[in-house]
Amino acid sequence: MTTTYGTLHGKVALVTGGSRGIGAATVLRLAREGADVALTYVNGKEAAADVVRRVEALGRRAVALRADSADPEEAVGAVAGAADSLGGRLDVLVNNVGVGVLGPLEGLSLVDVDRVLAVNVRGVFLASQAAAAVMGAGGRIITIGTCMTQRVPGPGGTLYAMSKSALVGLTKALARELGGRGITANIVHPGPTDTDMNPADGAYAAGQAAMTALGRFGTVEEVAGAVAYLAGAEYVTGAEFAVDGGHAA
């Protein structure tokens, strides 16, 4: 079966946290663009297997790897596992995995802080470091941030916004660090997006949608489209892409 677009034909990608939501949509979009794709998961084994089957139905290769990005060895090992499983190379890393702990500042525990920073910051750094070591010219590192790095519309987001804001600095530094090798690094900031964790018909959805200029939630496919663009773009690096319906306008 031929792919829909083919701009990434022959490329190998890794999407962390790719068993559901934005991650799963990104895996499928990259496959439609022609890439073979590895994805990581922690608890969603069956969901990950389903994504693999859907990629294979598109005529591309796929592999699901169990890896907890909070564990340094597993965060790094996922990169090696993806390359080893799909031909010994890696061209695109999508740092999608993340955890969100929202709540009043005084209620956040040290356990919360350590978990969020381990997954959202340290895990992303280690995966990017490992990927950069095996990428050649044309490599792409794309990280999923959040609209809350641009605008925090209310209380309860200190830990999550802090962790994701760190990724902006990481992305810009990676762009400078790796640009001479022809490797780009960019970050995508989704706004309110319709997923099983934050459904567009959920209890808090109306307020979130009202904070956007378009007055609606985004779709996972819209975010995945931005990732696919960056995976193929050659003269874009160190950039922040808002896919947020005007949340930061």
C-alpha atoms as a PDB file:
ATOM      1  CA  MET A   1       0.000   0.000   0.000  1.00  0.00           C
ATOM      2  CA  THR A   2       1.390   3.404  -0.927  1.00  0.00           C
ATOM      3  CA  THR A   3       1.618   6.271   1.533  1.00  0.00           C
ATOM      4  CA  THR A   4      -0.516   9.375   1.317  1.00  0.00           C
ATOM      5  CA  TYR A   5       2.235  11.965   0.950  1.00  0.00           C
ATOM      6  CA  GLY A   6       5.679  10.348   0.875  1.00  0.00           C
ATOM      7  CA  THR A   7       7.768  13.302   2.015  1.00  0.00           C
ATOM      8  CA  LEU A   8       9.493  11.112   4.623  1.00  0.00           C
ATOM      9  CA  HIS A   9       9.974   8.049   2.454  1.00  0.00           C
ATOM     10  CA  GLY A  10      12.852   5.943   3.740  1.00  0.00           C
ATOM     11  CA  LYS A  11      13.096   7.764   7.073  1.00  0.00           C
ATOM     12  CA  VAL A  12      12.937   6.191  10.527  1.00  0.00           C
ATOM     13  CA  ALA A  13      11.132   7.986  13.366  1.00  0.00           C
ATOM     14  CA  LEU A  14      10.623   7.461  17.087  1.00  0.00           C
ATOM     15  CA  VAL A  15       7.588   8.925  18.837  1.00  0.00           C
ATOM     16  CA  THR A  16       7.673   8.687  22.612  1.00  0.00           C
ATOM     17  CA  GLY A  17       4.311   8.123  24.242  1.00  0.00           C
ATOM     18  CA  GLY A  18       2.868   7.053  20.913  1.00  0.00           C
ATOM     19  CA  SER A  19       0.075   4.712  21.963  1.00  0.00           C
ATOM     20  CA  ARG A  20      -2.703   7.299  22.208  1.00  0.00           C
ATOM     21  CA  GLY A  21      -3.737  10.901  21.712  1.00  0.00           C
ATOM     22  CA  ILE A  22      -1.332  13.266  19.999  1.00  0.00           C
ATOM     23  CA  GLY A  23       1.372  10.597  20.027  1.00  0.00           C
ATOM     24  CA  ALA A  24      -0.707   8.002  18.171  1.00  0.00           C
ATOM     25  CA  ALA A  25      -1.912  10.574  15.638  1.00  0.00           C
ATOM     26  CA  THR A  26       1.702  11.612  15.058  1.00  0.00           C
ATOM     27  CA  VAL A  27       2.829   8.015  14.531  1.00  0.00           C
ATOM     28  CA  LEU A  28       0.127   7.508  11.904  1.00  0.00           C
ATOM     29  CA  ARG A  29       0.796  10.816  10.176  1.00  0.00           C
ATOM     30  CA  LEU A  30       4.531  10.134   9.914  1.00  0.00           C
ATOM     31  CA  ALA A  31       3.745   6.685   8.517  1.00  0.00           C
ATOM     32  CA  ARG A  32       1.471   8.235   5.905  1.00  0.00           C
ATOM     33  CA  GLU A  33       4.360  10.499   4.987  1.00  0.00           C
ATOM     34  CA  GLY A  34       6.427   7.372   4.307  1.00  0.00           C
ATOM     35  CA  ALA A  35       8.380   6.848   7.534  1.00  0.00           C
ATOM     36  CA  ASP A  36       8.878   3.642   9.467  1.00  0.00           C
ATOM     37  CA  VAL A  37       7.970   4.444  13.067  1.00  0.00           C
ATOM     38  CA  ALA A  38       8.822   3.187  16.529  1.00  0.00           C
ATOM     39  CA  LEU A  39       6.693   4.249  19.472  1.00  0.00           C
ATOM     40  CA  THR A  40       7.040   3.936  23.213  1.00  0.00           C
ATOM     41  CA  TYR A  41       4.405   3.195  25.806  1.00  0.00           C
ATOM     42  CA  VAL A  42       4.269   2.391  29.522  1.00  0.00           C
ATOM     43  CA  ASN A  43       0.842   0.938  30.332  1.00  0.00           C
ATOM     44  CA  GLY A  44      -1.025   0.952  27.027  1.00  0.00           C
ATOM     45  CA  LYS A  45       0.308  -2.291  25.545  1.00  0.00           C
ATOM     46  CA  GLU A  46      -2.854  -3.145  23.599  1.00  0.00           C
ATOM     47  CA  ALA A  47      -3.305   0.422  22.387  1.00  0.00           C
ATOM     48  CA  ALA A  48       0.324   0.468  21.225  1.00  0.00           C
ATOM     49  CA  ALA A  49      -0.151  -2.832  19.402  1.00  0.00           C
ATOM     50  CA  ASP A  50      -3.211  -1.392  17.658  1.00  0.00           C
ATOM     51  CA  VAL A  51      -1.207   1.624  16.464  1.00  0.00           C
ATOM     52  CA  VAL A  52       1.463  -0.741  15.124  1.00  0.00           C
ATOM     53  CA  ARG A  53      -1.192  -2.675  13.180  1.00  0.00           C
ATOM     54  CA  ARG A  54      -2.553   0.553  11.704  1.00  0.00           C
ATOM     55  CA  VAL A  55       0.927   1.612  10.587  1.00  0.00           C
ATOM     56  CA  GLU A  56       1.546  -1.773   9.002  1.00  0.00           C
ATOM     57  CA  ALA A  57      -1.769  -1.446   7.159  1.00  0.00           C
ATOM     58  CA  LEU A  58      -0.278   1.664   5.540  1.00  0.00           C
ATOM     59  CA  GLY A  59       2.606  -0.419   4.243  1.00  0.00           C
ATOM     60  CA  ARG A  60       5.201   0.857   6.694  1.00  0.00           C
ATOM     61  CA  ARG A  61       7.170  -0.891   9.417  1.00  0.00           C
ATOM     62  CA  ALA A  62       6.417  -0.185  13.078  1.00  0.00           C
ATOM     63  CA  VAL A  63       7.506  -1.388  16.499  1.00  0.00           C
ATOM     64  CA  ALA A  64       6.182  -0.688  20.000  1.00  0.00           C
ATOM     65  CA  LEU A  65       8.757  -0.438  22.787  1.00  0.00           C
ATOM     66  CA  ARG A  66       7.891  -0.383  26.456  1.00  0.00           C
ATOM     67  CA  ALA A  67       9.913   2.444  28.006  1.00  0.00           C
ATOM     68  CA  ASP A  68       9.289   4.734  30.965  1.00  0.00           C
ATOM     69  CA  SER A  69      10.888   8.093  30.224  1.00  0.00           C
ATOM     70  CA  ALA A  70      11.225   8.707  33.965  1.00  0.00           C
ATOM     71  CA  ASP A  71      13.894   5.984  34.006  1.00  0.00           C
ATOM     72  CA  PRO A  72      17.149   7.321  32.515  1.00  0.00           C
ATOM     73  CA  GLU A  73      18.207   3.939  31.153  1.00  0.00           C
ATOM     74  CA  GLU A  74      14.843   3.346  29.509  1.00  0.00           C
ATOM     75  CA  ALA A  75      14.691   6.853  28.040  1.00  0.00           C
ATOM     76  CA  VAL A  76      18.054   6.301  26.351  1.00  0.00           C
ATOM     77  CA  GLY A  77      17.368   2.659  25.554  1.00  0.00           C
ATOM     78  CA  ALA A  78      14.255   3.538  23.574  1.00  0.00           C
ATOM     79  CA  VAL A  79      16.380   5.451  21.082  1.00  0.00           C
ATOM     80  CA  ALA A  80      18.743   2.522  20.612  1.00  0.00           C
ATOM     81  CA  GLY A  81      15.809   0.108  20.442  1.00  0.00           C
ATOM     82  CA  ALA A  82      14.094   2.138  17.735  1.00  0.00           C
ATOM     83  CA  ALA A  83      17.223   2.318  15.595  1.00  0.00           C
ATOM     84  CA  ASP A  84      18.057  -1.362  16.082  1.00  0.00           C
ATOM     85  CA  SER A  85      14.521  -2.466  15.222  1.00  0.00           C
ATOM     86  CA  LEU A  86      14.156  -0.384  12.092  1.00  0.00           C
ATOM     87  CA  GLY A  87      17.378  -0.727  10.154  1.00  0.00           C
ATOM     88  CA  GLY A  88      20.081   0.749  12.356  1.00  0.00           C
ATOM     89  CA  ARG A  89      19.231   4.421  11.862  1.00  0.00           C
ATOM     90  CA  LEU A  90      17.108   7.201  13.326  1.00  0.00           C
ATOM     91  CA  ASP A  91      16.108  10.306  11.422  1.00  0.00           C
ATOM     92  CA  VAL A  92      13.276  11.833  13.450  1.00  0.00           C
ATOM     93  CA  LEU A  93      12.701  11.982  17.205  1.00  0.00           C
ATOM     94  CA  VAL A  94       9.364  13.267  18.471  1.00  0.00           C
ATOM     95  CA  ASN A  95       9.500  13.934  22.214  1.00  0.00           C
ATOM     96  CA  ASN A  96       5.798  13.578  22.848  1.00  0.00           C
ATOM     97  CA  VAL A  97       5.622  11.782  26.186  1.00  0.00           C
ATOM     98  CA  GLY A  98       4.728  13.942  29.146  1.00  0.00           C
ATOM     99  CA  VAL A  99       2.864  13.983  32.431  1.00  0.00           C
ATOM    100  CA  GLY A 100       0.743  16.769  33.811  1.00  0.00           C
ATOM    101  CA  VAL A 101       0.189  17.364  37.516  1.00  0.00           C
ATOM    102  CA  LEU A 102      -2.085  20.343  38.034  1.00  0.00           C
ATOM    103  CA  GLY A 103      -3.157  21.769  41.352  1.00  0.00           C
ATOM    104  CA  PRO A 104      -2.591  24.482  43.951  1.00  0.00           C
ATOM    105  CA  LEU A 105       1.040  25.345  44.584  1.00  0.00           C
ATOM    106  CA  GLU A 106       0.845  24.428  48.252  1.00  0.00           C
ATOM    107  CA  GLY A 107      -0.507  20.982  47.405  1.00  0.00           C
ATOM    108  CA  LEU A 108       2.323  19.868  45.125  1.00  0.00           C
ATOM    109  CA  SER A 109       4.587  17.310  46.771  1.00  0.00           C
ATOM    110  CA  LEU A 110       8.240  16.551  46.199  1.00  0.00           C
ATOM    111  CA  VAL A 111       7.130  13.286  44.605  1.00  0.00           C
ATOM    112  CA  ASP A 112       5.035  15.299  42.127  1.00  0.00           C
ATOM    113  CA  VAL A 113       7.953  17.599  41.328  1.00  0.00           C
ATOM    114  CA  ASP A 114      10.420  14.765  40.831  1.00  0.00           C
ATOM    115  CA  ARG A 115       8.066  12.744  38.613  1.00  0.00           C
ATOM    116  CA  VAL A 116       7.107  15.655  36.356  1.00  0.00           C
ATOM    117  CA  LEU A 117      10.665  16.877  35.925  1.00  0.00           C
ATOM    118  CA  ALA A 118      11.962  13.348  35.373  1.00  0.00           C
ATOM    119  CA  VAL A 119       9.555  12.700  32.503  1.00  0.00           C
ATOM    120  CA  ASN A 120       9.003  16.150  31.011  1.00  0.00           C
ATOM    121  CA  VAL A 121      12.559  17.499  31.243  1.00  0.00           C
ATOM    122  CA  ARG A 122      15.215  14.910  32.042  1.00  0.00           C
ATOM    123  CA  GLY A 123      13.670  12.217  29.843  1.00  0.00           C
ATOM    124  CA  VAL A 124      13.391  14.606  26.910  1.00  0.00           C
ATOM    125  CA  PHE A 125      16.976  15.777  27.350  1.00  0.00           C
ATOM    126  CA  LEU A 126      18.337  12.230  27.515  1.00  0.00           C
ATOM    127  CA  ALA A 127      16.340  11.034  24.513  1.00  0.00           C
ATOM    128  CA  SER A 128      17.461  14.068  22.499  1.00  0.00           C
ATOM    129  CA  GLN A 129      21.072  13.529  23.528  1.00  0.00           C
ATOM    130  CA  ALA A 130      20.927   9.868  22.523  1.00  0.00           C
ATOM    131  CA  ALA A 131      19.176  10.632  19.237  1.00  0.00           C
ATOM    132  CA  ALA A 132      21.670  13.336  18.306  1.00  0.00           C
ATOM    133  CA  ALA A 133      24.478  10.826  18.768  1.00  0.00           C
ATOM    134  CA  VAL A 134      23.081   8.554  16.035  1.00  0.00           C
ATOM    135  CA  MET A 135      21.483  11.070  13.661  1.00  0.00           C
ATOM    136  CA  GLY A 136      23.125  12.244  10.491  1.00  0.00           C
ATOM    137  CA  ALA A 137      22.519  15.364   8.443  1.00  0.00           C
ATOM    138  CA  GLY A 138      18.811  15.868   7.974  1.00  0.00           C
ATOM    139  CA  GLY A 139      17.986  14.651  11.474  1.00  0.00           C
ATOM    140  CA  ARG A 140      14.964  16.195  13.171  1.00  0.00           C
ATOM    141  CA  ILE A 141      14.213  16.600  16.881  1.00  0.00           C
ATOM    142  CA  ILE A 142      10.658  17.769  17.531  1.00  0.00           C
ATOM    143  CA  THR A 143       9.296  18.271  21.019  1.00  0.00           C
ATOM    144  CA  ILE A 144       5.713  18.671  22.152  1.00  0.00           C
ATOM    145  CA  GLY A 145       5.360  21.594  24.537  1.00  0.00           C
ATOM    146  CA  THR A 146       2.152  23.335  25.602  1.00  0.00           C
ATOM    147  CA  CYS A 147       0.276  26.581  25.135  1.00  0.00           C
ATOM    148  CA  MET A 148       0.934  27.170  28.834  1.00  0.00           C
ATOM    149  CA  THR A 149       4.515  28.174  28.016  1.00  0.00           C
ATOM    150  CA  GLN A 150       3.018  31.190  26.272  1.00  0.00           C
ATOM    151  CA  ARG A 151       0.094  32.001  28.532  1.00  0.00           C
ATOM    152  CA  VAL A 152      -1.025  30.526  31.844  1.00  0.00           C
ATOM    153  CA  PRO A 153      -4.693  31.508  32.057  1.00  0.00           C
ATOM    154  CA  GLY A 154      -5.318  30.576  35.693  1.00  0.00           C
ATOM    155  CA  PRO A 155      -3.928  29.018  38.861  1.00  0.00           C
ATOM    156  CA  GLY A 156      -2.843  25.415  39.241  1.00  0.00           C
ATOM    157  CA  GLY A 157      -0.317  25.158  36.432  1.00  0.00           C
ATOM    158  CA  THR A 158       2.988  26.062  38.079  1.00  0.00           C
ATOM    159  CA  LEU A 159       4.705  22.674  37.905  1.00  0.00           C
ATOM    160  CA  TYR A 160       3.467  21.704  34.452  1.00  0.00           C
ATOM    161  CA  ALA A 161       4.188  25.120  32.908  1.00  0.00           C
ATOM    162  CA  MET A 162       7.661  25.169  34.460  1.00  0.00           C
ATOM    163  CA  SER A 163       8.537  21.748  33.088  1.00  0.00           C
ATOM    164  CA  LYS A 164       7.337  22.503  29.578  1.00  0.00           C
ATOM    165  CA  SER A 165       8.940  25.954  29.545  1.00  0.00           C
ATOM    166  CA  ALA A 166      12.302  24.290  30.144  1.00  0.00           C
ATOM    167  CA  LEU A 167      11.838  22.545  26.800  1.00  0.00           C
ATOM    168  CA  VAL A 168      11.782  25.871  24.977  1.00  0.00           C
ATOM    169  CA  GLY A 169      15.304  26.607  26.196  1.00  0.00           C
ATOM    170  CA  LEU A 170      16.387  23.068  25.418  1.00  0.00           C
ATOM    171  CA  THR A 171      15.020  23.313  21.884  1.00  0.00           C
ATOM    172  CA  LYS A 172      16.750  26.589  21.123  1.00  0.00           C
ATOM    173  CA  ALA A 173      20.025  25.315  22.552  1.00  0.00           C
ATOM    174  CA  LEU A 174      19.767  22.084  20.563  1.00  0.00           C
ATOM    175  CA  ALA A 175      19.217  24.117  17.397  1.00  0.00           C
ATOM    176  CA  ARG A 176      22.489  25.960  18.000  1.00  0.00           C
ATOM    177  CA  GLU A 177      24.322  22.849  19.149  1.00  0.00           C
ATOM    178  CA  LEU A 178      23.312  20.677  16.212  1.00  0.00           C
ATOM    179  CA  GLY A 179      22.775  23.124  13.374  1.00  0.00           C
ATOM    180  CA  GLY A 180      26.303  22.686  12.057  1.00  0.00           C
ATOM    181  CA  ARG A 181      25.556  18.999  11.564  1.00  0.00           C
ATOM    182  CA  GLY A 182      22.396  19.683   9.597  1.00  0.00           C
ATOM    183  CA  ILE A 183      20.092  18.572  12.436  1.00  0.00           C
ATOM    184  CA  THR A 184      17.133  20.759  13.348  1.00  0.00           C
ATOM    185  CA  ALA A 185      15.244  21.114  16.641  1.00  0.00           C
ATOM    186  CA  ASN A 186      11.800  22.655  17.027  1.00  0.00           C
ATOM    187  CA  ILE A 187       8.930  22.656  19.527  1.00  0.00           C
ATOM    188  CA  VAL A 188       5.165  22.490  18.962  1.00  0.00           C
ATOM    189  CA  HIS A 189       2.805  24.044  21.515  1.00  0.00           C
ATOM    190  CA  PRO A 190      -0.678  22.480  21.425  1.00  0.00           C
ATOM    191  CA  GLY A 191      -3.598  24.328  22.906  1.00  0.00           C
ATOM    192  CA  PRO A 192      -6.668  22.561  24.304  1.00  0.00           C
ATOM    193  CA  THR A 193      -6.763  19.356  22.262  1.00  0.00           C
ATOM    194  CA  ASP A 194      -9.470  16.712  22.135  1.00  0.00           C
ATOM    195  CA  THR A 195      -7.991  13.557  23.704  1.00  0.00           C
ATOM    196  CA  ASP A 196      -9.228  10.906  26.094  1.00  0.00           C
ATOM    197  CA  MET A 197      -7.408  12.736  28.906  1.00  0.00           C
ATOM    198  CA  ASN A 198      -8.951  16.111  28.025  1.00  0.00           C
ATOM    199  CA  PRO A 199     -12.068  15.524  25.915  1.00  0.00           C
ATOM    200  CA  ALA A 200     -13.730  18.349  24.042  1.00  0.00           C
ATOM    201  CA  ASP A 201     -17.007  17.455  25.772  1.00  0.00           C
ATOM    202  CA  GLY A 202     -15.484  17.177  29.250  1.00  0.00           C
ATOM    203  CA  ALA A 203     -16.480  19.024  32.390  1.00  0.00           C
ATOM    204  CA  TYR A 204     -13.879  21.771  31.926  1.00  0.00           C
ATOM    205  CA  ALA A 205     -13.921  21.950  28.138  1.00  0.00           C
ATOM    206  CA  ALA A 206     -16.149  24.987  27.666  1.00  0.00           C
ATOM    207  CA  GLY A 207     -13.860  27.227  29.684  1.00  0.00           C
ATOM    208  CA  GLN A 208     -10.784  26.010  27.826  1.00  0.00           C
ATOM    209  CA  ALA A 209     -12.377  26.499  24.429  1.00  0.00           C
ATOM    210  CA  ALA A 210     -13.452  30.019  25.411  1.00  0.00           C
ATOM    211  CA  MET A 211      -9.795  30.935  26.001  1.00  0.00           C
ATOM    212  CA  THR A 212      -8.958  30.329  22.341  1.00  0.00           C
ATOM    213  CA  ALA A 213      -9.568  32.806  19.541  1.00  0.00           C
ATOM    214  CA  LEU A 214     -11.299  30.111  17.481  1.00  0.00           C
ATOM    215  CA  GLY A 215     -13.549  29.047  20.324  1.00  0.00           C
ATOM    216  CA  ARG A 216     -12.916  25.320  20.000  1.00  0.00           C
ATOM    217  CA  PHE A 217     -10.622  22.462  20.877  1.00  0.00           C
ATOM    218  CA  GLY A 218      -7.989  21.349  18.402  1.00  0.00           C
ATOM    219  CA  THR A 219      -7.729  17.825  17.051  1.00  0.00           C
ATOM    220  CA  VAL A 220      -4.812  15.452  17.457  1.00  0.00           C
ATOM    221  CA  GLU A 221      -4.514  15.366  13.678  1.00  0.00           C
ATOM    222  CA  GLU A 222      -3.962  19.132  13.576  1.00  0.00           C
ATOM    223  CA  VAL A 223      -1.064  18.838  16.003  1.00  0.00           C
ATOM    224  CA  ALA A 224       0.335  15.847  14.119  1.00  0.00           C
ATOM    225  CA  GLY A 225       0.236  17.872  10.918  1.00  0.00           C
ATOM    226  CA  ALA A 226       2.554  20.467  12.412  1.00  0.00           C
ATOM    227  CA  VAL A 227       4.946  17.740  13.546  1.00  0.00           C
ATOM    228  CA  ALA A 228       4.954  16.210  10.072  1.00  0.00           C
ATOM    229  CA  TYR A 229       5.724  19.592   8.528  1.00  0.00           C
ATOM    230  CA  LEU A 230       8.694  20.079  10.830  1.00  0.00           C
ATOM    231  CA  ALA A 231       9.908  16.542  10.144  1.00  0.00           C
ATOM    232  CA  GLY A 232      10.237  17.487   6.496  1.00  0.00           C
ATOM    233  CA  ALA A 233      11.247  21.148   6.787  1.00  0.00           C
ATOM    234  CA  GLU A 234      14.888  21.977   6.059  1.00  0.00           C
ATOM    235  CA  TYR A 235      15.244  25.670   6.947  1.00  0.00           C
ATOM    236  CA  VAL A 236      13.298  25.793  10.211  1.00  0.00           C
ATOM    237  CA  THR A 237      15.087  25.306  13.516  1.00  0.00           C
ATOM    238  CA  GLY A 238      14.924  26.691  17.026  1.00  0.00           C
ATOM    239  CA  ALA A 239      11.308  27.643  16.382  1.00  0.00           C
ATOM    240  CA  GLU A 240       8.179  27.523  18.507  1.00  0.00           C
ATOM    241  CA  PHE A 241       5.017  26.496  16.644  1.00  0.00           C
ATOM    242  CA  ALA A 242       1.697  27.247  18.343  1.00  0.00           C
ATOM    243  CA  VAL A 243      -1.153  24.944  17.351  1.00  0.00           C
ATOM    244  CA  ASP A 244      -3.453  26.458  19.926  1.00  0.00           C
ATOM    245  CA  GLY A 245      -6.405  28.074  18.186  1.00  0.00           C
ATOM    246  CA  GLY A 246      -5.170  31.481  19.258  1.00  0.00           C
ATOM    247  CA  HIS A 247      -4.846  30.643  22.959  1.00  0.00           C
ATOM    248  CA  ALA A 248      -1.829  32.946  23.193  1.00  0.00           C
ATOM    249  CA  ALA A 249      -3.236  35.672  20.937  1.00  0.00           C
END
